[in-house]
PDB file of N, CA and C in Angstrom:
ATOM      1  N   MET A   1      70.060  37.003-129.594  1.00  0.00           N
ATOM      2  CA  MET A   1      71.211  37.413-129.064  1.00  0.00           C
ATOM      3  C   MET A   1      70.964  37.708-127.256  1.00  0.00           C
ATOM      4  N   LEU A   2      69.891  38.646-127.452  1.00  0.00           N
ATOM      5  CA  LEU A   2      70.112  38.948-125.727  1.00  0.00           C
ATOM      6  C   LEU A   2      68.944  37.628-125.152  1.00  0.00           C
ATOM      7  N   THR A   3      68.623  37.156-126.112  1.00  0.00           N
ATOM      8  CA  THR A   3      67.794  35.293-125.725  1.00  0.00           C
ATOM      9  C   THR A   3      68.678  34.753-125.180  1.00  0.00           C
ATOM     10  N   ILE A   4      69.646  34.293-126.004  1.00  0.00           N
ATOM     11  CA  ILE A   4      71.204  33.744-125.692  1.00  0.00           C
ATOM     12  C   ILE A   4      71.628  33.784-124.277  1.00  0.00           C
ATOM     13  N   GLN A   5      71.695  35.172-124.124  1.00  0.00           N
ATOM     14  CA  GLN A   5      72.733  35.926-122.834  1.00  0.00           C
ATOM     15  C   GLN A   5      71.822  35.888-121.507  1.00  0.00           C
ATOM     16  N   LEU A   6      70.887  36.172-121.865  1.00  0.00           N
ATOM     17  CA  LEU A   6      70.160  36.019-120.937  1.00  0.00           C
ATOM     18  C   LEU A   6      69.937  34.259-120.189  1.00  0.00           C
ATOM     19  N   LEU A   7      69.821  33.499-120.896  1.00  0.00           N
ATOM     20  CA  LEU A   7      69.841  31.784-121.160  1.00  0.00           C
ATOM     21  C   LEU A   7      71.034  31.370-120.114  1.00  0.00           C
ATOM     22  N   ALA A   8      72.052  32.193-120.738  1.00  0.00           N
ATOM     23  CA  ALA A   8      73.449  31.924-120.568  1.00  0.00           C
ATOM     24  C   ALA A   8      73.901  32.557-118.734  1.00  0.00           C
ATOM     25  N   GLY A   9      73.157  33.697-118.549  1.00  0.00           N
ATOM     26  CA  GLY A   9      72.846  34.441-117.548  1.00  0.00           C
ATOM     27  C   GLY A   9      74.170  35.328-117.234  1.00  0.00           C
ATOM     28  N   ALA A  10      74.251  35.596-119.141  1.00  0.00           N
ATOM     29  CA  ALA A  10      75.079  36.922-118.552  1.00  0.00           C
ATOM     30  C   ALA A  10      74.221  38.312-119.244  1.00  0.00           C
ATOM     31  N   ASP A  11      74.922  39.439-118.390  1.00  0.00           N
ATOM     32  CA  ASP A  11      73.319  40.410-118.052  1.00  0.00           C
ATOM     33  C   ASP A  11      74.512  41.802-118.834  1.00  0.00           C
ATOM     34  N   ASN A  12      74.835  42.074-120.193  1.00  0.00           N
ATOM     35  CA  ASN A  12      75.403  42.974-120.811  1.00  0.00           C
ATOM     36  C   ASN A  12      74.510  44.160-120.592  1.00  0.00           C
ATOM     37  N   THR A  13      73.286  44.067-120.422  1.00  0.00           N
ATOM     38  CA  THR A  13      72.626  45.658-120.155  1.00  0.00           C
ATOM     39  C   THR A  13      73.002  46.372-119.328  1.00  0.00           C
ATOM     40  N   LYS A  14      73.591  46.372-118.397  1.00  0.00           N
ATOM     41  CA  LYS A  14      73.970  47.477-117.621  1.00  0.00           C
ATOM     42  C   LYS A  14      75.240  47.419-117.602  1.00  0.00           C
ATOM     43  N   THR A  15      76.470  46.906-118.164  1.00  0.00           N
ATOM     44  CA  THR A  15      77.283  47.666-118.598  1.00  0.00           C
ATOM     45  C   THR A  15      77.570  48.743-120.083  1.00  0.00           C
ATOM     46  N   GLU A  16      76.009  48.122-120.643  1.00  0.00           N
ATOM     47  CA  GLU A  16      76.021  48.300-122.102  1.00  0.00           C
ATOM     48  C   GLU A  16      75.904  50.151-121.210  1.00  0.00           C
ATOM     49  N   SER A  17      74.350  50.013-120.573  1.00  0.00           N
ATOM     50  CA  SER A  17      74.107  51.423-120.370  1.00  0.00           C
ATOM     51  C   SER A  17      75.260  52.343-119.315  1.00  0.00           C
ATOM     52  N   LYS A  18      76.050  51.549-118.622  1.00  0.00           N
ATOM     53  CA  LYS A  18      77.245  52.523-117.878  1.00  0.00           C
ATOM     54  C   LYS A  18      78.492  52.739-119.119  1.00  0.00           C
ATOM     55  N   THR A  19      78.289  52.238-119.953  1.00  0.00           N
ATOM     56  CA  THR A  19      79.405  52.593-121.566  1.00  0.00           C
ATOM     57  C   THR A  19      78.864  53.885-122.406  1.00  0.00           C
ATOM     58  N   ALA A  20      77.883  53.914-122.141  1.00  0.00           N
ATOM     59  CA  ALA A  20      76.567  54.607-123.049  1.00  0.00           C
ATOM     60  C   ALA A  20      77.191  56.179-122.028  1.00  0.00           C
ATOM     61  N   GLN A  21      77.188  55.565-121.001  1.00  0.00           N
ATOM     62  CA  GLN A  21      76.603  56.862-119.747  1.00  0.00           C
ATOM     63  C   GLN A  21      78.279  57.909-120.025  1.00  0.00           C
ATOM     64  N   ALA A  22      79.435  56.772-120.234  1.00  0.00           N
ATOM     65  CA  ALA A  22      80.532  57.182-120.054  1.00  0.00           C
ATOM     66  C   ALA A  22      80.990  57.926-121.131  1.00  0.00           C
ATOM     67  N   GLN A  23      81.028  57.690-122.512  1.00  0.00           N
ATOM     68  CA  GLN A  23      80.729  57.934-124.044  1.00  0.00           C
ATOM     69  C   GLN A  23      80.326  59.308-123.580  1.00  0.00           C
ATOM     70  N   MET A  24      78.490  59.475-123.263  1.00  0.00           N
ATOM     71  CA  MET A  24      78.029  60.604-123.451  1.00  0.00           C
ATOM     72  C   MET A  24      78.485  61.843-122.265  1.00  0.00           C
ATOM     73  N   LEU A  25      79.223  61.141-121.398  1.00  0.00           N
ATOM     74  CA  LEU A  25      80.213  62.193-119.647  1.00  0.00           C
ATOM     75  C   LEU A  25      81.201  62.856-120.499  1.00  0.00           C
ATOM     76  N   ILE A  26      82.300  61.913-121.051  1.00  0.00           N
ATOM     77  CA  ILE A  26      82.876  62.658-122.041  1.00  0.00           C
ATOM     78  C   ILE A  26      82.828  63.136-123.196  1.00  0.00           C
ATOM     79  N   LEU A  27      81.776  63.040-123.786  1.00  0.00           N
ATOM     80  CA  LEU A  27      81.895  64.195-124.964  1.00  0.00           C
ATOM     81  C   LEU A  27      80.989  65.458-124.328  1.00  0.00           C
ATOM     82  N   GLU A  28      80.458  65.429-123.017  1.00  0.00           N
ATOM     83  CA  GLU A  28      79.944  66.499-122.734  1.00  0.00           C
ATOM     84  C   GLU A  28      80.213  67.268-122.029  1.00  0.00           C
ATOM     85  N   LEU A  29      82.217  66.699-121.661  1.00  0.00           N
ATOM     86  CA  LEU A  29      83.083  67.301-120.796  1.00  0.00           C
ATOM     87  C   LEU A  29      84.068  68.377-121.466  1.00  0.00           C
ATOM     88  N   LEU A  30      84.300  67.437-122.980  1.00  0.00           N
ATOM     89  CA  LEU A  30      84.996  67.758-123.812  1.00  0.00           C
ATOM     90  C   LEU A  30      84.468  68.665-124.863  1.00  0.00           C
ATOM     91  N   ALA A  31      82.979  69.363-124.796  1.00  0.00           N
ATOM     92  CA  ALA A  31      82.258  70.087-126.365  1.00  0.00           C
ATOM     93  C   ALA A  31      83.059  71.206-125.971  1.00  0.00           C
ATOM     94  N   ASP A  32      82.620  71.795-127.044  1.00  0.00           N
ATOM     95  CA  ASP A  32      82.908  73.517-127.911  1.00  0.00           C
ATOM     96  C   ASP A  32      84.648  73.293-127.472  1.00  0.00           C
ATOM     97  N   GLY A  33      85.642  72.736-127.598  1.00  0.00           N
ATOM     98  CA  GLY A  33      87.059  72.468-128.163  1.00  0.00           C
ATOM     99  C   GLY A  33      87.681  72.348-126.094  1.00  0.00           C
ATOM    100  N   LYS A  34      86.990  71.788-125.120  1.00  0.00           N
ATOM    101  CA  LYS A  34      87.845  72.046-123.795  1.00  0.00           C
ATOM    102  C   LYS A  34      88.797  70.812-124.323  1.00  0.00           C
ATOM    103  N   ARG A  35      89.792  70.975-123.035  1.00  0.00           N
ATOM    104  CA  ARG A  35      90.704  70.026-122.815  1.00  0.00           C
ATOM    105  C   ARG A  35      90.913  69.438-121.333  1.00  0.00           C
ATOM    106  N   MET A  36      91.493  68.866-121.317  1.00  0.00           N
ATOM    107  CA  MET A  36      91.301  68.114-119.444  1.00  0.00           C
ATOM    108  C   MET A  36      92.755  66.970-119.131  1.00  0.00           C
ATOM    109  N   PRO A  37      93.119  67.313-117.891  1.00  0.00           N
ATOM    110  CA  PRO A  37      94.033  66.260-118.031  1.00  0.00           C
ATOM    111  C   PRO A  37      93.283  64.853-117.936  1.00  0.00           C
ATOM    112  N   SER A  38      93.914  64.221-118.488  1.00  0.00           N
ATOM    113  CA  SER A  38      93.451  62.113-118.613  1.00  0.00           C
ATOM    114  C   SER A  38      92.868  62.042-117.199  1.00  0.00           C
ATOM    115  N   ALA A  39      93.927  62.228-115.900  1.00  0.00           N
ATOM    116  CA  ALA A  39      93.526  62.165-114.589  1.00  0.00           C
ATOM    117  C   ALA A  39      92.623  62.654-114.197  1.00  0.00           C
ATOM    118  N   GLU A  40      92.514  64.124-114.453  1.00  0.00           N
ATOM    119  CA  GLU A  40      91.205  64.573-114.116  1.00  0.00           C
ATOM    120  C   GLU A  40      89.796  64.261-114.481  1.00  0.00           C
ATOM    121  N   LEU A  41      89.694  63.987-115.909  1.00  0.00           N
ATOM    122  CA  LEU A  41      88.576  63.158-116.659  1.00  0.00           C
ATOM    123  C   LEU A  41      88.362  61.957-115.588  1.00  0.00           C
ATOM    124  N   GLU A  42      89.514  61.298-115.905  1.00  0.00           N
ATOM    125  CA  GLU A  42      88.967  59.725-115.098  1.00  0.00           C
ATOM    126  C   GLU A  42      88.925  59.618-113.601  1.00  0.00           C
ATOM    127  N   LYS A  43      88.737  60.869-112.967  1.00  0.00           N
ATOM    128  CA  LYS A  43      88.639  61.304-111.445  1.00  0.00           C
ATOM    129  C   LYS A  43      87.007  61.543-111.612  1.00  0.00           C
ATOM    130  N   THR A  44      86.767  62.548-112.889  1.00  0.00           N
ATOM    131  CA  THR A  44      85.180  62.745-112.808  1.00  0.00           C
ATOM    132  C   THR A  44      83.880  61.332-113.118  1.00  0.00           C
ATOM    133  N   VAL A  45      84.772  60.669-113.759  1.00  0.00           N
ATOM    134  CA  VAL A  45      83.785  59.964-114.465  1.00  0.00           C
ATOM    135  C   VAL A  45      83.955  58.966-113.413  1.00  0.00           C
ATOM    136  N   ASN A  46      85.024  58.355-112.804  1.00  0.00           N
ATOM    137  CA  ASN A  46      84.919  57.704-111.373  1.00  0.00           C
ATOM    138  C   ASN A  46      84.062  58.057-110.643  1.00  0.00           C
ATOM    139  N   GLU A  47      83.543  59.380-110.325  1.00  0.00           N
ATOM    140  CA  GLU A  47      83.006  60.240-109.291  1.00  0.00           C
ATOM    141  C   GLU A  47      81.265  59.926-109.335  1.00  0.00           C
ATOM    142  N   ARG A  48      81.527  59.624-110.726  1.00  0.00           N
ATOM    143  CA  ARG A  48      80.185  59.388-111.381  1.00  0.00           C
ATOM    144  C   ARG A  48      79.990  58.055-111.234  1.00  0.00           C
ATOM    145  N   GLY A  49      80.588  57.064-110.850  1.00  0.00           N
ATOM    146  CA  GLY A  49      80.110  55.267-110.576  1.00  0.00           C
ATOM    147  C   GLY A  49      80.573  54.733-111.508  1.00  0.00           C
ATOM    148  N   ILE A  50      81.559  55.261-112.394  1.00  0.00           N
ATOM    149  CA  ILE A  50      82.393  54.657-113.474  1.00  0.00           C
ATOM    150  C   ILE A  50      83.216  54.105-113.552  1.00  0.00           C
ATOM    151  N   SER A  51      83.359  52.774-113.417  1.00  0.00           N
ATOM    152  CA  SER A  51      84.816  52.112-113.078  1.00  0.00           C
ATOM    153  C   SER A  51      85.998  52.799-114.695  1.00  0.00           C
ATOM    154  N   SER A  52      87.088  52.577-114.001  1.00  0.00           N
ATOM    155  CA  SER A  52      88.148  53.101-115.469  1.00  0.00           C
ATOM    156  C   SER A  52      87.710  52.273-116.425  1.00  0.00           C
ATOM    157  N   ARG A  53      87.931  50.502-116.001  1.00  0.00           N
ATOM    158  CA  ARG A  53      88.199  50.115-117.290  1.00  0.00           C
ATOM    159  C   ARG A  53      86.938  50.218-118.072  1.00  0.00           C
ATOM    160  N   THR A  54      85.606  50.549-117.712  1.00  0.00           N
ATOM    161  CA  THR A  54      84.643  50.934-118.723  1.00  0.00           C
ATOM    162  C   THR A  54      84.960  52.485-119.183  1.00  0.00           C
ATOM    163  N   MET A  55      85.511  53.382-118.600  1.00  0.00           N
ATOM    164  CA  MET A  55      85.827  54.684-119.147  1.00  0.00           C
ATOM    165  C   MET A  55      86.409  54.038-120.568  1.00  0.00           C
ATOM    166  N   ARG A  56      87.334  53.372-120.261  1.00  0.00           N
ATOM    167  CA  ARG A  56      88.567  52.579-121.344  1.00  0.00           C
ATOM    168  C   ARG A  56      87.635  52.372-122.657  1.00  0.00           C
ATOM    169  N   THR A  57      86.585  51.891-122.436  1.00  0.00           N
ATOM    170  CA  THR A  57      86.112  51.336-123.487  1.00  0.00           C
ATOM    171  C   THR A  57      85.263  51.927-124.080  1.00  0.00           C
ATOM    172  N   ALA A  58      84.489  53.026-123.054  1.00  0.00           N
ATOM    173  CA  ALA A  58      83.926  54.005-123.979  1.00  0.00           C
ATOM    174  C   ALA A  58      84.501  55.147-124.962  1.00  0.00           C
ATOM    175  N   LYS A  59      85.968  55.258-124.422  1.00  0.00           N
ATOM    176  CA  LYS A  59      86.980  55.957-124.743  1.00  0.00           C
ATOM    177  C   LYS A  59      87.307  55.548-126.831  1.00  0.00           C
ATOM    178  N   SER A  60      87.433  54.173-126.404  1.00  0.00           N
ATOM    179  CA  SER A  60      88.117  53.240-127.531  1.00  0.00           C
ATOM    180  C   SER A  60      86.511  53.717-128.727  1.00  0.00           C
ATOM    181  N   ARG A  61      85.593  52.963-128.108  1.00  0.00           N
ATOM    182  CA  ARG A  61      84.198  53.342-129.042  1.00  0.00           C
ATOM    183  C   ARG A  61      84.148  55.063-129.625  1.00  0.00           C
ATOM    184  N   ILE A  62      84.215  56.197-128.362  1.00  0.00           N
ATOM    185  CA  ILE A  62      84.561  57.388-129.133  1.00  0.00           C
ATOM    186  C   ILE A  62      85.621  57.293-130.849  1.00  0.00           C
ATOM    187  N   GLY A  63      86.389  56.997-130.483  1.00  0.00           N
ATOM    188  CA  GLY A  63      87.362  56.811-131.805  1.00  0.00           C
ATOM    189  C   GLY A  63      88.284  57.615-131.970  1.00  0.00           C
ATOM    190  N   ASP A  64      88.384  57.793-132.970  1.00  0.00           N
ATOM    191  CA  ASP A  64      89.517  59.121-133.611  1.00  0.00           C
ATOM    192  C   ASP A  64      89.231  60.710-132.858  1.00  0.00           C
ATOM    193  N   ARG A  65      87.930  60.792-132.863  1.00  0.00           N
ATOM    194  CA  ARG A  65      87.344  61.998-132.355  1.00  0.00           C
ATOM    195  C   ARG A  65      87.946  62.269-130.842  1.00  0.00           C
ATOM    196  N   LEU A  66      88.642  61.457-130.373  1.00  0.00           N
ATOM    197  CA  LEU A  66      89.298  61.560-128.984  1.00  0.00           C
ATOM    198  C   LEU A  66      90.662  61.598-129.070  1.00  0.00           C
ATOM    199  N   VAL A  67      91.114  62.416-128.862  1.00  0.00           N
ATOM    200  CA  VAL A  67      92.814  63.048-128.628  1.00  0.00           C
ATOM    201  C   VAL A  67      93.218  63.203-127.393  1.00  0.00           C
ATOM    202  N   THR A  68      93.847  62.089-127.325  1.00  0.00           N
ATOM    203  CA  THR A  68      94.994  62.254-125.811  1.00  0.00           C
ATOM    204  C   THR A  68      96.451  62.257-126.161  1.00  0.00           C
ATOM    205  N   GLU A  69      96.985  63.356-126.072  1.00  0.00           N
ATOM    206  CA  GLU A  69      98.538  63.126-126.199  1.00  0.00           C
ATOM    207  C   GLU A  69      99.277  64.445-125.123  1.00  0.00           C
ATOM    208  N   LYS A  70     100.249  64.396-124.807  1.00  0.00           N
ATOM    209  CA  LYS A  70     101.466  64.565-123.856  1.00  0.00           C
ATOM    210  C   LYS A  70     101.536  65.899-124.363  1.00  0.00           C
ATOM    211  N   ASP A  71     101.126  66.852-122.910  1.00  0.00           N
ATOM    212  CA  ASP A  71     101.285  68.156-122.831  1.00  0.00           C
ATOM    213  C   ASP A  71     102.179  68.300-121.456  1.00  0.00           C
ATOM    214  N   GLY A  72     103.441  68.981-121.901  1.00  0.00           N
ATOM    215  CA  GLY A  72     104.133  69.138-121.057  1.00  0.00           C
ATOM    216  C   GLY A  72     104.576  67.430-120.152  1.00  0.00           C
ATOM    217  N   THR A  73     104.049  67.837-118.546  1.00  0.00           N
ATOM    218  CA  THR A  73     104.221  66.385-117.927  1.00  0.00           C
ATOM    219  C   THR A  73     102.879  65.516-117.991  1.00  0.00           C
ATOM    220  N   ALA A  74     101.698  66.075-118.171  1.00  0.00           N
ATOM    221  CA  ALA A  74     100.564  65.451-118.174  1.00  0.00           C
ATOM    222  C   ALA A  74      99.951  65.456-119.046  1.00  0.00           C
ATOM    223  N   TRP A  75      98.877  64.407-119.465  1.00  0.00           N
ATOM    224  CA  TRP A  75      98.481  63.890-120.782  1.00  0.00           C
ATOM    225  C   TRP A  75      96.885  64.437-120.415  1.00  0.00           C
ATOM    226  N   VAL A  76      96.771  65.098-121.775  1.00  0.00           N
ATOM    227  CA  VAL A  76      95.472  65.624-121.948  1.00  0.00           C
ATOM    228  C   VAL A  76      94.484  65.281-122.752  1.00  0.00           C
ATOM    229  N   CYS A  77      93.107  65.113-122.692  1.00  0.00           N
ATOM    230  CA  CYS A  77      92.447  65.086-123.685  1.00  0.00           C
ATOM    231  C   CYS A  77      91.587  65.962-124.266  1.00  0.00           C
ATOM    232  N   TYR A  78      90.924  66.201-125.747  1.00  0.00           N
ATOM    233  CA  TYR A  78      90.258  66.898-126.002  1.00  0.00           C
ATOM    234  C   TYR A  78      89.320  66.087-127.500  1.00  0.00           C
ATOM    235  N   LEU A  79      88.442  66.417-128.056  1.00  0.00           N
ATOM    236  CA  LEU A  79      87.656  66.031-128.942  1.00  0.00           C
ATOM    237  C   LEU A  79      88.289  66.763-130.843  1.00  0.00           C
ATOM    238  N   ARG A  80      89.002  66.160-131.529  1.00  0.00           N
ATOM    239  CA  ARG A  80      89.562  66.620-133.011  1.00  0.00           C
ATOM    240  C   ARG A  80      87.822  67.109-133.263  1.00  0.00           C
ATOM    241  N   ASN A  81      87.883  68.001-133.982  1.00  0.00           N
ATOM    242  CA  ASN A  81      87.195  68.814-134.920  1.00  0.00           C
ATOM    243  C   ASN A  81      86.382  68.553-136.251  1.00  0.00           C
TER     244      ASN A  81
END
């Protein structure tokens, strides 16, 4: 599969590694029951050179463990136990 992608000129390795970095960062930031405003989480991830789009992909790969819910006027993220 990688050979086909390389022949086609696609380089998904860089994207995949950024997605994996984003996943690890999100899991690290929200470890031990921490809650973080969604905007702050995105800002922190962006400051590490990871795009908002890649962050969304990472969040979707984390799946049901990642909860984003409205808390007053802000959206807050945390990990489900």
